Protein backbone atom coordinates (compact mmCIF):
# COMPACT_ATOMS: atom_id res chain seq x y z
CA MET A 1 95.74 -52.04 31.07
CA LYS A 2 94.04 -52.24 34.48
CA SER A 3 94.56 -48.50 35.20
CA PHE A 4 93.10 -47.68 31.67
CA LYS A 5 89.95 -49.85 32.58
CA PHE A 6 89.69 -48.20 35.97
CA ALA A 7 89.94 -44.75 34.44
CA LEU A 8 87.24 -45.56 31.81
CA ILE A 9 84.94 -47.04 34.46
CA ALA A 10 85.44 -44.02 36.90
CA SER A 11 84.89 -41.55 34.05
CA LEU A 12 81.68 -43.36 33.10
CA LEU A 13 80.42 -43.39 36.55
CA ILE A 14 81.17 -39.63 37.10
CA ALA A 15 79.40 -38.82 33.74
CA ASN A 16 76.34 -40.86 34.78
CA LEU A 17 76.26 -39.28 38.26
CA SER A 18 76.52 -35.77 36.79
CA HIS A 19 73.52 -36.57 34.50
CA PHE A 20 71.64 -37.85 37.66
CA THR A 21 72.36 -34.69 39.60
CA MET A 22 71.40 -32.44 36.61
CA GLY A 23 68.06 -34.22 36.33
CA TYR A 24 67.52 -33.86 40.01
CA ALA A 25 68.00 -30.03 39.68
CA GLN A 26 65.45 -29.99 36.90
CA ASN A 27 62.98 -31.79 39.07
CA ASP A 28 63.44 -29.25 41.85
CA VAL A 29 60.22 -27.37 42.62
CA LYS A 30 61.77 -23.99 41.81
CA ASN A 31 62.96 -25.19 38.40
CA SER A 32 59.75 -26.76 37.20
CA PRO A 33 56.25 -25.30 36.58
CA ALA A 34 53.62 -25.93 39.27
CA ALA A 35 50.85 -28.48 38.35
CA CYS A 36 48.23 -25.81 38.86
CA PRO A 37 49.81 -22.37 39.12
CA THR A 38 47.77 -19.32 40.20
CA PRO A 39 48.07 -16.28 37.85
CA ALA A 40 50.63 -14.68 40.25
CA GLU A 41 52.72 -17.83 40.00
CA MET A 42 52.97 -17.93 36.08
CA GLY A 43 56.24 -17.61 34.60
CA ALA A 44 57.76 -18.30 31.23
CA LEU A 45 58.08 -22.04 31.97
CA HIS A 46 54.21 -22.10 32.22
CA LEU A 47 53.84 -20.60 28.78
CA TYR A 48 56.15 -23.21 26.92
CA GLY A 49 54.21 -25.41 24.53
CA GLU A 50 51.33 -25.23 22.16
CA TRP A 51 48.17 -23.06 22.58
CA GLN A 52 45.02 -22.77 20.49
CA ALA A 53 44.25 -19.08 19.84
CA THR A 54 40.83 -17.89 18.98
CA TRP A 55 39.53 -14.35 18.26
CA ASP A 56 36.01 -12.93 18.39
CA GLY A 57 34.71 -12.66 14.83
CA VAL A 58 37.33 -15.04 13.37
CA GLU A 59 36.08 -18.54 12.57
CA ALA A 60 39.38 -20.44 12.18
CA PRO A 61 41.48 -20.86 15.21
CA ALA A 62 45.29 -20.50 15.08
CA THR A 63 48.19 -22.48 16.69
CA LEU A 64 50.55 -20.52 19.03
CA ARG A 65 53.83 -22.34 19.87
CA LEU A 66 56.02 -20.94 22.62
CA GLU A 67 59.45 -21.90 23.77
CA ARG A 68 62.30 -20.40 25.86
CA HIS A 69 63.65 -17.04 24.62
CA PRO A 70 67.38 -17.46 24.20
CA GLU A 71 68.18 -13.89 25.14
CA HIS A 72 65.39 -13.13 27.75
CA LEU A 73 65.21 -16.01 30.22
CA ASP A 74 62.07 -14.76 31.77
CA GLY A 75 60.42 -14.41 28.24
CA VAL A 76 59.15 -16.65 25.36
CA ARG A 77 59.30 -16.71 21.65
CA GLY A 78 57.75 -18.82 19.01
CA THR A 79 55.42 -18.87 16.06
CA LEU A 80 51.74 -18.19 15.42
CA GLN A 81 50.30 -20.47 12.53
CA ARG A 82 47.05 -19.08 10.76
CA GLY A 83 46.36 -21.43 8.06
CA THR A 84 49.41 -21.16 5.70
CA ALA A 85 50.56 -17.81 7.17
CA GLU A 86 53.12 -17.70 9.92
CA ALA A 87 54.11 -14.98 12.29
CA LEU A 88 56.94 -14.62 14.80
CA VAL A 89 55.96 -13.93 18.45
CA ALA A 90 57.89 -12.92 21.60
CA GLY A 91 56.58 -11.94 25.02
CA ASP A 92 56.20 -12.78 28.63
CA VAL A 93 53.85 -13.16 31.69
CA ASP A 94 54.32 -11.32 34.93
CA GLU A 95 52.02 -11.54 38.01
CA GLY A 96 49.26 -12.94 35.70
CA GLU A 97 49.68 -10.24 33.04
CA PHE A 98 50.30 -11.69 29.56
CA ASN A 99 52.10 -9.56 26.92
CA LEU A 100 53.08 -10.73 23.33
CA GLU A 101 54.25 -8.96 20.25
CA GLU A 102 53.60 -10.39 16.86
CA SER A 103 55.68 -9.80 13.66
CA THR A 104 54.99 -10.91 10.14
CA ASP A 105 58.23 -9.98 8.75
CA GLY A 106 60.60 -10.45 11.81
CA ARG A 107 61.39 -6.77 12.05
CA THR A 108 58.30 -4.62 12.74
CA ILE A 109 55.55 -5.33 15.22
CA ALA A 110 52.23 -6.14 13.42
CA ALA A 111 50.15 -6.83 16.47
CA THR A 112 50.22 -6.79 20.32
CA TRP A 113 48.52 -9.03 22.61
CA THR A 114 47.64 -7.90 26.22
CA GLY A 115 45.80 -10.30 28.52
CA LYS A 116 45.36 -11.94 31.85
CA VAL A 117 45.82 -15.50 33.02
CA LEU A 118 42.35 -16.81 34.25
CA GLU A 119 41.88 -17.67 37.94
CA ASN A 120 41.11 -21.32 38.53
CA ALA A 121 42.35 -22.39 35.01
CA CYS A 122 45.62 -23.85 36.23
CA GLY A 123 47.62 -21.51 33.83
CA LYS A 124 45.92 -23.03 30.82
CA GLU A 125 43.64 -20.18 29.72
CA ILE A 126 44.54 -16.63 28.92
CA GLN A 127 42.13 -13.92 27.74
CA GLY A 128 42.67 -10.41 26.50
CA ARG A 129 42.83 -7.95 23.63
CA TRP A 130 44.75 -8.39 20.38
CA ASN A 131 45.53 -5.12 18.69
CA ASN A 132 46.42 -4.73 14.92
CA VAL A 133 49.17 -2.03 14.74
CA ALA A 134 48.41 -1.01 11.12
CA ASP A 135 44.75 -0.21 11.38
CA GLN A 136 44.40 -0.03 15.13
CA SER A 137 41.61 -2.62 15.16
CA GLU A 138 41.11 -4.68 18.21
CA ARG A 139 39.68 -8.13 18.92
CA ARG A 140 39.09 -10.24 22.10
CA PHE A 141 41.26 -13.27 22.09
CA VAL A 142 41.29 -16.58 24.08
CA LEU A 143 44.45 -18.76 24.36
CA ARG A 144 43.84 -22.36 25.60
CA LYS A 145 46.89 -24.71 26.19
CA ARG A 146 46.62 -27.76 24.13
CA PRO A 147 46.17 -31.12 25.97
CA GLY A 148 49.50 -32.92 26.61
CA TRP A 149 51.41 -29.75 27.61
CA ARG A 150 51.87 -28.95 31.29
């Protein structure tokens, strides 16, 4: 019975220590987004979260939610909520250049977003051009990270 208790205690200690070391790796500077990244430091981790999207000439803002892309680790995917309409999105940021593709049916690209992370905005504001693929119309957009997201 003592050997069973010892084995149980040892396995619990090992399990707890492995969680501790995994947590330590997650807190490593290389694995977590900088508190105030420059545009060149921006990566997928900085895009995770919820953003408010606004366009010139469009009154109602939309909500953009981005998360880790399961197939492209340096990219993001998520949803864009405009009122009751929802679109799927996928994209990335590289050296401060932001690119996103939007799809209303999950198969074809309905719009593209190209922009730049603003200097001195701590990675919380992106501005650029939104292009409708169907009619080639273009609008200026602004993305602002919602409070509560790093």
